[in-house]
Full PDB file with SEQRES, HELIX, SHEET, SSBOND, CRYST1, ORIGX, SCALE, CONECT and MASTER records, all heavy atoms in Angstrom:
SEQRES   1 A   38  TYR LYS TYR ILE ASN GLU THR THR SER ARG VAL PRO ILE          
SEQRES   2 A   38  SER ASP TRP HIS HIS THR ASP SER GLY LYS TRP VAL GLY          
SEQRES   3 A   38  PHE ARG ALA ARG SER VAL ILE GLY GLY TYR TRP MET              
HELIX    1 AA1 LYS A    2  GLU A    6  1                                   5    
HELIX    2 AA2 SER A   31  TRP A   37  5                                   7    
CRYST1    1.000    1.000    1.000  90.00  90.00  90.00 P 1           1          
ORIGX1      1.000000  0.000000  0.000000        0.00000                         
ORIGX2      0.000000  1.000000  0.000000        0.00000                         
ORIGX3      0.000000  0.000000  1.000000        0.00000                         
SCALE1      1.000000  0.000000  0.000000        0.00000                         
SCALE2      0.000000  1.000000  0.000000        0.00000                         
SCALE3      0.000000  0.000000  1.000000        0.00000                         
ATOM      1  N   TYR A   1     104.107 102.592  97.566  1.00  0.00           N  
ATOM      2  CA  TYR A   1     105.435 102.456  98.073  1.00  0.00           C  
ATOM      3  C   TYR A   1     105.845 103.574  99.091  1.00  0.00           C  
ATOM      4  O   TYR A   1     106.447 103.282 100.092  1.00  0.00           O  
ATOM      5  CB  TYR A   1     106.450 102.524  96.842  1.00  0.00           C  
ATOM      6  CG  TYR A   1     107.863 102.342  97.169  1.00  0.00           C  
ATOM      7  CD1 TYR A   1     108.411 101.066  97.394  1.00  0.00           C  
ATOM      8  CD2 TYR A   1     108.704 103.467  97.373  1.00  0.00           C  
ATOM      9  CE1 TYR A   1     109.727 100.903  97.688  1.00  0.00           C  
ATOM     10  CE2 TYR A   1     110.060 103.239  97.724  1.00  0.00           C  
ATOM     11  CZ  TYR A   1     110.571 101.990  97.774  1.00  0.00           C  
ATOM     12  OH  TYR A   1     111.878 101.891  98.181  1.00  0.00           O  
ATOM     13  N   LYS A   2     105.354 104.763  98.770  1.00  0.00           N  
ATOM     14  CA  LYS A   2     105.675 105.956  99.624  1.00  0.00           C  
ATOM     15  C   LYS A   2     104.916 105.673 100.970  1.00  0.00           C  
ATOM     16  O   LYS A   2     105.524 105.912 102.067  1.00  0.00           O  
ATOM     17  CB  LYS A   2     105.169 107.178  99.039  1.00  0.00           C  
ATOM     18  CG  LYS A   2     105.331 108.433  99.813  1.00  0.00           C  
ATOM     19  CD  LYS A   2     104.894 109.670  99.102  1.00  0.00           C  
ATOM     20  CE  LYS A   2     104.930 110.973  99.884  1.00  0.00           C  
ATOM     21  NZ  LYS A   2     106.165 111.287 100.460  1.00  0.00           N  
ATOM     22  N   TYR A   3     103.686 105.229 100.903  1.00  0.00           N  
ATOM     23  CA  TYR A   3     102.984 104.950 102.169  1.00  0.00           C  
ATOM     24  C   TYR A   3     103.691 103.920 103.071  1.00  0.00           C  
ATOM     25  O   TYR A   3     103.932 104.083 104.231  1.00  0.00           O  
ATOM     26  CB  TYR A   3     101.499 104.487 101.874  1.00  0.00           C  
ATOM     27  CG  TYR A   3     100.981 103.610 103.010  1.00  0.00           C  
ATOM     28  CD1 TYR A   3     100.639 104.169 104.276  1.00  0.00           C  
ATOM     29  CD2 TYR A   3     100.755 102.262 102.861  1.00  0.00           C  
ATOM     30  CE1 TYR A   3     100.107 103.414 105.267  1.00  0.00           C  
ATOM     31  CE2 TYR A   3     100.315 101.483 103.784  1.00  0.00           C  
ATOM     32  CZ  TYR A   3      99.939 101.975 105.026  1.00  0.00           C  
ATOM     33  OH  TYR A   3      99.411 101.227 106.053  1.00  0.00           O  
ATOM     34  N   ILE A   4     104.106 102.731 102.428  1.00  0.00           N  
ATOM     35  CA  ILE A   4     104.746 101.721 103.177  1.00  0.00           C  
ATOM     36  C   ILE A   4     106.065 102.207 103.843  1.00  0.00           C  
ATOM     37  O   ILE A   4     106.412 101.835 104.883  1.00  0.00           O  
ATOM     38  CB  ILE A   4     105.019 100.519 102.244  1.00  0.00           C  
ATOM     39  CG1 ILE A   4     103.628  99.869 101.839  1.00  0.00           C  
ATOM     40  CG2 ILE A   4     105.896  99.485 102.913  1.00  0.00           C  
ATOM     41  CD1 ILE A   4     103.742  98.842 100.760  1.00  0.00           C  
ATOM     42  N   ASN A   5     106.811 103.072 103.100  1.00  0.00           N  
ATOM     43  CA  ASN A   5     108.100 103.493 103.547  1.00  0.00           C  
ATOM     44  C   ASN A   5     107.997 104.610 104.581  1.00  0.00           C  
ATOM     45  O   ASN A   5     108.926 104.806 105.441  1.00  0.00           O  
ATOM     46  CB  ASN A   5     109.028 103.911 102.417  1.00  0.00           C  
ATOM     47  CG  ASN A   5     109.610 102.622 101.848  1.00  0.00           C  
ATOM     48  OD1 ASN A   5     110.186 101.834 102.501  1.00  0.00           O  
ATOM     49  ND2 ASN A   5     109.472 102.600 100.504  1.00  0.00           N  
ATOM     50  N   GLU A   6     106.939 105.426 104.549  1.00  0.00           N  
ATOM     51  CA  GLU A   6     106.888 106.638 105.314  1.00  0.00           C  
ATOM     52  C   GLU A   6     105.803 106.650 106.400  1.00  0.00           C  
ATOM     53  O   GLU A   6     105.693 107.614 107.135  1.00  0.00           O  
ATOM     54  CB  GLU A   6     106.743 107.837 104.373  1.00  0.00           C  
ATOM     55  CG  GLU A   6     107.961 108.006 103.523  1.00  0.00           C  
ATOM     56  CD  GLU A   6     107.801 109.208 102.609  1.00  0.00           C  
ATOM     57  OE1 GLU A   6     106.835 110.029 102.758  1.00  0.00           O  
ATOM     58  OE2 GLU A   6     108.538 109.346 101.586  1.00  0.00           O  
ATOM     59  N   THR A   7     104.887 105.681 106.427  1.00  0.00           N  
ATOM     60  CA  THR A   7     103.849 105.705 107.440  1.00  0.00           C  
ATOM     61  C   THR A   7     104.373 105.726 108.850  1.00  0.00           C  
ATOM     62  O   THR A   7     105.452 105.123 109.109  1.00  0.00           O  
ATOM     63  CB  THR A   7     102.881 104.580 107.230  1.00  0.00           C  
ATOM     64  OG1 THR A   7     101.803 104.674 108.184  1.00  0.00           O  
ATOM     65  CG2 THR A   7     103.549 103.156 107.446  1.00  0.00           C  
ATOM     66  N   THR A   8     103.752 106.431 109.719  1.00  0.00           N  
ATOM     67  CA  THR A   8     104.123 106.444 111.102  1.00  0.00           C  
ATOM     68  C   THR A   8     103.266 105.402 111.920  1.00  0.00           C  
ATOM     69  O   THR A   8     103.548 105.136 113.116  1.00  0.00           O  
ATOM     70  CB  THR A   8     103.871 107.783 111.675  1.00  0.00           C  
ATOM     71  OG1 THR A   8     102.494 108.204 111.581  1.00  0.00           O  
ATOM     72  CG2 THR A   8     104.777 108.891 111.041  1.00  0.00           C  
ATOM     73  N   SER A   9     102.404 104.751 111.297  1.00  0.00           N  
ATOM     74  CA  SER A   9     101.624 103.702 111.927  1.00  0.00           C  
ATOM     75  C   SER A   9     102.518 102.541 112.286  1.00  0.00           C  
ATOM     76  O   SER A   9     103.351 102.114 111.415  1.00  0.00           O  
ATOM     77  CB  SER A   9     100.443 103.185 111.113  1.00  0.00           C  
ATOM     78  OG  SER A   9      99.544 104.213 110.901  1.00  0.00           O  
ATOM     79  N   ARG A  10     102.512 102.078 113.449  1.00  0.00           N  
ATOM     80  CA  ARG A  10     103.295 100.978 113.907  1.00  0.00           C  
ATOM     81  C   ARG A  10     102.638  99.612 113.914  1.00  0.00           C  
ATOM     82  O   ARG A  10     102.731  98.741 114.830  1.00  0.00           O  
ATOM     83  CB  ARG A  10     103.781 101.256 115.287  1.00  0.00           C  
ATOM     84  CG  ARG A  10     104.684 102.520 115.440  1.00  0.00           C  
ATOM     85  CD  ARG A  10     105.848 102.517 114.587  1.00  0.00           C  
ATOM     86  NE  ARG A  10     106.774 101.429 115.067  1.00  0.00           N  
ATOM     87  CZ  ARG A  10     107.679 100.872 114.334  1.00  0.00           C  
ATOM     88  NH1 ARG A  10     107.876 101.282 113.105  1.00  0.00           N  
ATOM     89  NH2 ARG A  10     108.400  99.924 114.795  1.00  0.00           N  
ATOM     90  N   VAL A  11     101.879  99.292 112.848  1.00  0.00           N  
ATOM     91  CA  VAL A  11     101.165  98.084 112.631  1.00  0.00           C  
ATOM     92  C   VAL A  11     101.682  97.523 111.408  1.00  0.00           C  
ATOM     93  O   VAL A  11     102.251  98.148 110.541  1.00  0.00           O  
ATOM     94  CB  VAL A  11      99.648  98.129 112.630  1.00  0.00           C  
ATOM     95  CG1 VAL A  11      99.104  98.733 113.824  1.00  0.00           C  
ATOM     96  CG2 VAL A  11      99.183  99.011 111.335  1.00  0.00           C  
ATOM     97  N   PRO A  12     101.636  96.145 111.251  1.00  0.00           N  
ATOM     98  CA  PRO A  12     102.124  95.509 109.894  1.00  0.00           C  
ATOM     99  C   PRO A  12     101.250  96.187 108.781  1.00  0.00           C  
ATOM    100  O   PRO A  12     100.161  96.721 109.051  1.00  0.00           O  
ATOM    101  CB  PRO A  12     101.689  93.970 110.079  1.00  0.00           C  
ATOM    102  CG  PRO A  12     101.762  93.797 111.579  1.00  0.00           C  
ATOM    103  CD  PRO A  12     101.225  95.102 112.250  1.00  0.00           C  
ATOM    104  N   ILE A  13     101.758  96.116 107.605  1.00  0.00           N  
ATOM    105  CA  ILE A  13     101.247  96.849 106.425  1.00  0.00           C  
ATOM    106  C   ILE A  13      99.658  96.622 106.379  1.00  0.00           C  
ATOM    107  O   ILE A  13      99.162  95.541 106.438  1.00  0.00           O  
ATOM    108  CB  ILE A  13     101.784  96.338 105.134  1.00  0.00           C  
ATOM    109  CG1 ILE A  13     103.257  96.617 105.083  1.00  0.00           C  
ATOM    110  CG2 ILE A  13     101.117  97.028 103.903  1.00  0.00           C  
ATOM    111  CD1 ILE A  13     103.989  95.955 103.940  1.00  0.00           C  
ATOM    112  N   SER A  14      98.976  97.742 106.382  1.00  0.00           N  
ATOM    113  CA  SER A  14      97.587  97.752 106.360  1.00  0.00           C  
ATOM    114  C   SER A  14      97.086  97.905 104.928  1.00  0.00           C  
ATOM    115  O   SER A  14      97.662  98.703 104.190  1.00  0.00           O  
ATOM    116  CB  SER A  14      96.980  98.881 107.200  1.00  0.00           C  
ATOM    117  OG  SER A  14      95.624  99.016 107.082  1.00  0.00           O  
ATOM    118  N   ASP A  15      96.025  97.240 104.567  1.00  0.00           N  
ATOM    119  CA  ASP A  15      95.497  97.459 103.201  1.00  0.00           C  
ATOM    120  C   ASP A  15      94.395  98.539 103.244  1.00  0.00           C  
ATOM    121  O   ASP A  15      93.776  98.773 102.299  1.00  0.00           O  
ATOM    122  CB  ASP A  15      94.919  96.072 102.706  1.00  0.00           C  
ATOM    123  CG  ASP A  15      93.838  95.481 103.514  1.00  0.00           C  
ATOM    124  OD1 ASP A  15      94.070  95.381 104.776  1.00  0.00           O  
ATOM    125  OD2 ASP A  15      92.708  95.079 102.964  1.00  0.00           O  
ATOM    126  N   TRP A  16      94.168  99.063 104.462  1.00  0.00           N  
ATOM    127  CA  TRP A  16      93.143 100.112 104.549  1.00  0.00           C  
ATOM    128  C   TRP A  16      93.721 101.286 105.334  1.00  0.00           C  
ATOM    129  O   TRP A  16      93.985 101.184 106.547  1.00  0.00           O  
ATOM    130  CB  TRP A  16      91.907  99.551 105.292  1.00  0.00           C  
ATOM    131  CG  TRP A  16      90.718 100.491 105.412  1.00  0.00           C  
ATOM    132  CD1 TRP A  16      90.505 101.621 104.595  1.00  0.00           C  
ATOM    133  CD2 TRP A  16      89.679 100.307 106.297  1.00  0.00           C  
ATOM    134  NE1 TRP A  16      89.253 102.133 105.024  1.00  0.00           N  
ATOM    135  CE2 TRP A  16      88.696 101.366 106.008  1.00  0.00           C  
ATOM    136  CE3 TRP A  16      89.298  99.385 107.212  1.00  0.00           C  
ATOM    137  CZ2 TRP A  16      87.582 101.531 106.726  1.00  0.00           C  
ATOM    138  CZ3 TRP A  16      88.106  99.526 107.903  1.00  0.00           C  
ATOM    139  CH2 TRP A  16      87.271 100.529 107.656  1.00  0.00           C  
ATOM    140  N   HIS A  17      93.979 102.301 104.730  1.00  0.00           N  
ATOM    141  CA  HIS A  17      94.570 103.528 105.355  1.00  0.00           C  
ATOM    142  C   HIS A  17      94.102 104.781 104.629  1.00  0.00           C  
ATOM    143  O   HIS A  17      93.632 104.730 103.484  1.00  0.00           O  
ATOM    144  CB  HIS A  17      96.079 103.412 105.341  1.00  0.00           C  
ATOM    145  CG  HIS A  17      96.710 103.340 103.865  1.00  0.00           C  
ATOM    146  ND1 HIS A  17      96.777 102.166 103.220  1.00  0.00           N  
ATOM    147  CD2 HIS A  17      97.094 104.295 102.991  1.00  0.00           C  
ATOM    148  CE1 HIS A  17      97.290 102.400 102.051  1.00  0.00           C  
ATOM    149  NE2 HIS A  17      97.494 103.698 101.837  1.00  0.00           N  
ATOM    150  N   HIS A  18      94.307 105.925 105.331  1.00  0.00           N  
ATOM    151  CA  HIS A  18      93.892 107.171 104.705  1.00  0.00           C  
ATOM    152  C   HIS A  18      94.939 107.502 103.732  1.00  0.00           C  
ATOM    153  O   HIS A  18      96.173 107.544 103.996  1.00  0.00           O  
ATOM    154  CB  HIS A  18      93.858 108.265 105.818  1.00  0.00           C  
ATOM    155  CG  HIS A  18      92.702 108.098 106.825  1.00  0.00           C  
ATOM    156  ND1 HIS A  18      91.383 108.427 106.477  1.00  0.00           N  
ATOM    157  CD2 HIS A  18      92.763 107.649 108.113  1.00  0.00           C  
ATOM    158  CE1 HIS A  18      90.671 108.150 107.557  1.00  0.00           C  
ATOM    159  NE2 HIS A  18      91.434 107.673 108.484  1.00  0.00           N  
ATOM    160  N   THR A  19      94.483 107.933 102.463  1.00  0.00           N  
ATOM    161  CA  THR A  19      95.462 108.237 101.413  1.00  0.00           C  
ATOM    162  C   THR A  19      96.027 109.642 101.585  1.00  0.00           C  
ATOM    163  O   THR A  19      97.184 109.807 101.003  1.00  0.00           O  
ATOM    164  CB  THR A  19      94.717 108.117  99.959  1.00  0.00           C  
ATOM    165  OG1 THR A  19      93.647 109.028 100.028  1.00  0.00           O  
ATOM    166  CG2 THR A  19      94.323 106.664  99.745  1.00  0.00           C  
ATOM    167  N   ASP A  20      95.406 110.478 102.283  1.00  0.00           N  
ATOM    168  CA  ASP A  20      96.010 111.804 102.515  1.00  0.00           C  
ATOM    169  C   ASP A  20      97.027 111.912 103.559  1.00  0.00           C  
ATOM    170  O   ASP A  20      97.942 112.669 103.593  1.00  0.00           O  
ATOM    171  CB  ASP A  20      94.879 112.864 102.682  1.00  0.00           C  
ATOM    172  CG  ASP A  20      93.991 112.529 103.931  1.00  0.00           C  
ATOM    173  OD1 ASP A  20      94.048 111.472 104.486  1.00  0.00           O  
ATOM    174  OD2 ASP A  20      93.258 113.547 104.303  1.00  0.00           O  
ATOM    175  N   SER A  21      96.863 111.037 104.608  1.00  0.00           N  
ATOM    176  CA  SER A  21      97.817 111.080 105.757  1.00  0.00           C  
ATOM    177  C   SER A  21      98.644 109.777 105.904  1.00  0.00           C  
ATOM    178  O   SER A  21      99.587 109.812 106.701  1.00  0.00           O  
ATOM    179  CB  SER A  21      96.993 111.306 107.020  1.00  0.00           C  
ATOM    180  OG  SER A  21      96.222 110.232 107.331  1.00  0.00           O  
ATOM    181  N   GLY A  22      98.181 108.615 105.372  1.00  0.00           N  
ATOM    182  CA  GLY A  22      98.880 107.434 105.545  1.00  0.00           C  
ATOM    183  C   GLY A  22      98.516 106.776 106.909  1.00  0.00           C  
ATOM    184  O   GLY A  22      99.139 105.699 107.146  1.00  0.00           O  
ATOM    185  N   LYS A  23      97.593 107.334 107.628  1.00  0.00           N  
ATOM    186  CA  LYS A  23      97.232 106.742 108.925  1.00  0.00           C  
ATOM    187  C   LYS A  23      96.422 105.500 108.784  1.00  0.00           C  
ATOM    188  O   LYS A  23      95.559 105.386 107.941  1.00  0.00           O  
ATOM    189  CB  LYS A  23      96.549 107.817 109.781  1.00  0.00           C  
ATOM    190  CG  LYS A  23      97.476 108.944 110.126  1.00  0.00           C  
ATOM    191  CD  LYS A  23      96.886 109.692 111.328  1.00  0.00           C  
ATOM    192  CE  LYS A  23      97.787 110.865 111.632  1.00  0.00           C  
ATOM    193  NZ  LYS A  23      98.748 110.678 112.615  1.00  0.00           N  
ATOM    194  N   TRP A  24      96.700 104.517 109.603  1.00  0.00           N  
ATOM    195  CA  TRP A  24      96.052 103.242 109.613  1.00  0.00           C  
ATOM    196  C   TRP A  24      94.582 103.402 110.030  1.00  0.00           C  
ATOM    197  O   TRP A  24      94.296 104.264 110.891  1.00  0.00           O  
ATOM    198  CB  TRP A  24      96.792 102.366 110.589  1.00  0.00           C  
ATOM    199  CG  TRP A  24      96.145 101.074 111.017  1.00  0.00           C  
ATOM    200  CD1 TRP A  24      95.789 100.038 110.156  1.00  0.00           C  
ATOM    201  CD2 TRP A  24      95.754 100.707 112.324  1.00  0.00           C  
ATOM    202  NE1 TRP A  24      95.294  99.087 110.864  1.00  0.00           N  
ATOM    203  CE2 TRP A  24      95.157  99.460 112.231  1.00  0.00           C  
ATOM    204  CE3 TRP A  24      95.750 101.338 113.553  1.00  0.00           C  
ATOM    205  CZ2 TRP A  24      94.682  98.802 113.354  1.00  0.00           C  
ATOM    206  CZ3 TRP A  24      95.277 100.743 114.709  1.00  0.00           C  
ATOM    207  CH2 TRP A  24      94.725  99.481 114.541  1.00  0.00           C  
ATOM    208  N   VAL A  25      93.689 102.693 109.402  1.00  0.00           N  
ATOM    209  CA  VAL A  25      92.294 102.814 109.666  1.00  0.00           C  
ATOM    210  C   VAL A  25      91.821 101.669 110.517  1.00  0.00           C  
ATOM    211  O   VAL A  25      91.224 101.920 111.612  1.00  0.00           O  
ATOM    212  CB  VAL A  25      91.421 102.936 108.384  1.00  0.00           C  
ATOM    213  CG1 VAL A  25      89.926 102.877 108.632  1.00  0.00           C  
ATOM    214  CG2 VAL A  25      91.751 104.204 107.638  1.00  0.00           C  
ATOM    215  N   GLY A  26      92.042 100.422 110.156  1.00  0.00           N  
ATOM    216  CA  GLY A  26      91.512  99.405 110.877  1.00  0.00           C  
ATOM    217  C   GLY A  26      92.006  98.020 110.590  1.00  0.00           C  
ATOM    218  O   GLY A  26      92.117  97.109 111.499  1.00  0.00           O  
ATOM    219  N   PHE A  27      92.424  97.709 109.363  1.00  0.00           N  
ATOM    220  CA  PHE A  27      92.881  96.403 109.054  1.00  0.00           C  
ATOM    221  C   PHE A  27      94.411  96.322 109.269  1.00  0.00           C  
ATOM    222  O   PHE A  27      95.085  97.378 109.137  1.00  0.00           O  
ATOM    223  CB  PHE A  27      92.604  96.061 107.669  1.00  0.00           C  
ATOM    224  CG  PHE A  27      91.128  95.901 107.211  1.00  0.00           C  
ATOM    225  CD1 PHE A  27      90.732  96.169 105.975  1.00  0.00           C  
ATOM    226  CD2 PHE A  27      90.131  95.665 108.247  1.00  0.00           C  
ATOM    227  CE1 PHE A  27      89.344  96.090 105.629  1.00  0.00           C  
ATOM    228  CE2 PHE A  27      88.885  95.520 107.870  1.00  0.00           C  
ATOM    229  CZ  PHE A  27      88.447  95.794 106.563  1.00  0.00           C  
ATOM    230  N   ARG A  28      94.937  95.178 109.486  1.00  0.00           N  
ATOM    231  CA  ARG A  28      96.401  94.995 109.596  1.00  0.00           C  
ATOM    232  C   ARG A  28      96.763  93.518 109.393  1.00  0.00           C  
ATOM    233  O   ARG A  28      96.081  92.656 109.744  1.00  0.00           O  
ATOM    234  CB  ARG A  28      96.875  95.470 110.997  1.00  0.00           C  
ATOM    235  CG  ARG A  28      96.319  94.619 112.097  1.00  0.00           C  
ATOM    236  CD  ARG A  28      97.004  95.144 113.386  1.00  0.00           C  
ATOM    237  NE  ARG A  28      96.312  94.499 114.536  1.00  0.00           N  
ATOM    238  CZ  ARG A  28      96.005  95.022 115.660  1.00  0.00           C  
ATOM    239  NH1 ARG A  28      96.478  96.244 115.951  1.00  0.00           N  
ATOM    240  NH2 ARG A  28      95.435  94.361 116.627  1.00  0.00           N  
ATOM    241  N   ALA A  29      97.870  93.433 108.723  1.00  0.00           N  
ATOM    242  CA  ALA A  29      98.429  92.088 108.477  1.00  0.00           C  
ATOM    243  C   ALA A  29      97.473  90.983 107.976  1.00  0.00           C  
ATOM    244  O   ALA A  29      97.437  89.884 108.316  1.00  0.00           O  
ATOM    245  CB  ALA A  29      99.187  91.531 109.685  1.00  0.00           C  
ATOM    246  N   ARG A  30      96.560  91.449 106.984  1.00  0.00           N  
ATOM    247  CA  ARG A  30      95.585  90.567 106.500  1.00  0.00           C  
ATOM    248  C   ARG A  30      96.152  89.748 105.349  1.00  0.00           C  
ATOM    249  O   ARG A  30      97.043  90.239 104.623  1.00  0.00           O  
ATOM    250  CB  ARG A  30      94.296  91.291 106.112  1.00  0.00           C  
ATOM    251  CG  ARG A  30      93.640  91.917 107.224  1.00  0.00           C  
ATOM    252  CD  ARG A  30      92.385  92.646 107.017  1.00  0.00           C  
ATOM    253  NE  ARG A  30      92.099  93.060 105.599  1.00  0.00           N  
ATOM    254  CZ  ARG A  30      90.960  92.829 105.000  1.00  0.00           C  
ATOM    255  NH1 ARG A  30      89.964  92.154 105.556  1.00  0.00           N  
ATOM    256  NH2 ARG A  30      90.788  93.263 103.811  1.00  0.00           N  
ATOM    257  N   SER A  31      95.528  88.620 104.986  1.00  0.00           N  
ATOM    258  CA  SER A  31      96.045  87.850 103.859  1.00  0.00           C  
ATOM    259  C   SER A  31      95.929  88.514 102.483  1.00  0.00           C  
ATOM    260  O   SER A  31      96.514  88.131 101.610  1.00  0.00           O  
ATOM    261  CB  SER A  31      95.431  86.463 103.898  1.00  0.00           C  
ATOM    262  OG  SER A  31      93.971  86.572 103.794  1.00  0.00           O  
ATOM    263  N   VAL A  32      94.942  89.427 102.443  1.00  0.00           N  
ATOM    264  CA  VAL A  32      94.786  90.182 101.146  1.00  0.00           C  
ATOM    265  C   VAL A  32      96.150  90.956 100.658  1.00  0.00           C  
ATOM    266  O   VAL A  32      96.176  91.178  99.547  1.00  0.00           O  
ATOM    267  CB  VAL A  32      93.628  91.121 101.225  1.00  0.00           C  
ATOM    268  CG1 VAL A  32      92.337  90.418 101.456  1.00  0.00           C  
ATOM    269  CG2 VAL A  32      93.825  92.259 102.243  1.00  0.00           C  
ATOM    270  N   ILE A  33      97.014  91.094 101.615  1.00  0.00           N  
ATOM    271  CA  ILE A  33      98.284  91.746 101.245  1.00  0.00           C  
ATOM    272  C   ILE A  33      98.990  90.859 100.174  1.00  0.00           C  
ATOM    273  O   ILE A  33      99.874  91.358  99.511  1.00  0.00           O  
ATOM    274  CB  ILE A  33      99.142  92.054 102.487  1.00  0.00           C  
ATOM    275  CG1 ILE A  33      98.413  93.040 103.406  1.00  0.00           C  
ATOM    276  CG2 ILE A  33     100.491  92.577 102.156  1.00  0.00           C  
ATOM    277  CD1 ILE A  33      98.126  94.454 102.762  1.00  0.00           C  
ATOM    278  N   GLY A  34      98.649  89.612 100.083  1.00  0.00           N  
ATOM    279  CA  GLY A  34      99.194  88.801  99.026  1.00  0.00           C  
ATOM    280  C   GLY A  34      98.922  89.408  97.665  1.00  0.00           C  
ATOM    281  O   GLY A  34      99.746  89.157  96.719  1.00  0.00           O  
ATOM    282  N   GLY A  35      97.918  90.214  97.560  1.00  0.00           N  
ATOM    283  CA  GLY A  35      97.689  90.934  96.306  1.00  0.00           C  
ATOM    284  C   GLY A  35      98.849  91.775  95.892  1.00  0.00           C  
ATOM    285  O   GLY A  35      98.962  92.230  94.705  1.00  0.00           O  
ATOM    286  N   TYR A  36      99.702  92.198  96.825  1.00  0.00           N  
ATOM    287  CA  TYR A  36     100.836  93.048  96.491  1.00  0.00           C  
ATOM    288  C   TYR A  36     101.794  92.256  95.599  1.00  0.00           C  
ATOM    289  O   TYR A  36     102.613  92.844  94.898  1.00  0.00           O  
ATOM    290  CB  TYR A  36     101.627  93.349  97.781  1.00  0.00           C  
ATOM    291  CG  TYR A  36     101.025  94.458  98.623  1.00  0.00           C  
ATOM    292  CD1 TYR A  36      99.711  94.747  98.610  1.00  0.00           C  
ATOM    293  CD2 TYR A  36     101.933  95.131  99.543  1.00  0.00           C  
ATOM    294  CE1 TYR A  36      99.230  95.762  99.362  1.00  0.00           C  
ATOM    295  CE2 TYR A  36     101.410  96.202 100.269  1.00  0.00           C  
ATOM    296  CZ  TYR A  36     100.133  96.460 100.189  1.00  0.00           C  
ATOM    297  OH  TYR A  36      99.606  97.521 101.022  1.00  0.00           O  
ATOM    298  N   TRP A  37     101.680  90.951  95.541  1.00  0.00           N  
ATOM    299  CA  TRP A  37     102.542  90.110  94.646  1.00  0.00           C  
ATOM    300  C   TRP A  37     101.853  89.803  93.328  1.00  0.00           C  
ATOM    301  O   TRP A  37     102.352  88.930  92.569  1.00  0.00           O  
ATOM    302  CB  TRP A  37     102.838  88.813  95.408  1.00  0.00           C  
ATOM    303  CG  TRP A  37     103.721  89.146  96.578  1.00  0.00           C  
ATOM    304  CD1 TRP A  37     103.264  89.328  97.895  1.00  0.00           C  
ATOM    305  CD2 TRP A  37     105.116  89.375  96.642  1.00  0.00           C  
ATOM    306  NE1 TRP A  37     104.350  89.598  98.689  1.00  0.00           N  
ATOM    307  CE2 TRP A  37     105.498  89.697  97.938  1.00  0.00           C  
ATOM    308  CE3 TRP A  37     106.105  89.404  95.630  1.00  0.00           C  
ATOM    309  CZ2 TRP A  37     106.829  89.989  98.232  1.00  0.00           C  
ATOM    310  CZ3 TRP A  37     107.427  89.629  96.022  1.00  0.00           C  
ATOM    311  CH2 TRP A  37     107.713  89.921  97.303  1.00  0.00           C  
ATOM    312  N   MET A  38     100.754  90.445  92.975  1.00  0.00           N  
ATOM    313  CA  MET A  38     100.164  90.070  91.716  1.00  0.00           C  
ATOM    314  C   MET A  38     100.960  90.320  90.524  1.00  0.00           C  
ATOM    315  O   MET A  38     100.882  89.471  89.560  1.00  0.00           O  
ATOM    316  CB  MET A  38      98.810  90.951  91.615  1.00  0.00           C  
ATOM    317  CG  MET A  38      97.939  90.730  90.383  1.00  0.00           C  
ATOM    318  SD  MET A  38      97.645  88.897  90.144  1.00  0.00           S  
ATOM    319  CE  MET A  38      96.709  88.460  91.536  1.00  0.00           C  
TER     320      MET A  38                                                      
MASTER        0    0    0    2    0    0    0    6  319    1    0    3          
END                                                                             
């Protein structure tokens, strides 16, 4: 939740990001984000 609200990356929610900085690594707006609704 903190990552989603505070990331400075300007891409749709990424499921792959650095946990220490919140910076986006490579994926964006993938269908796996449906897992957020598990």
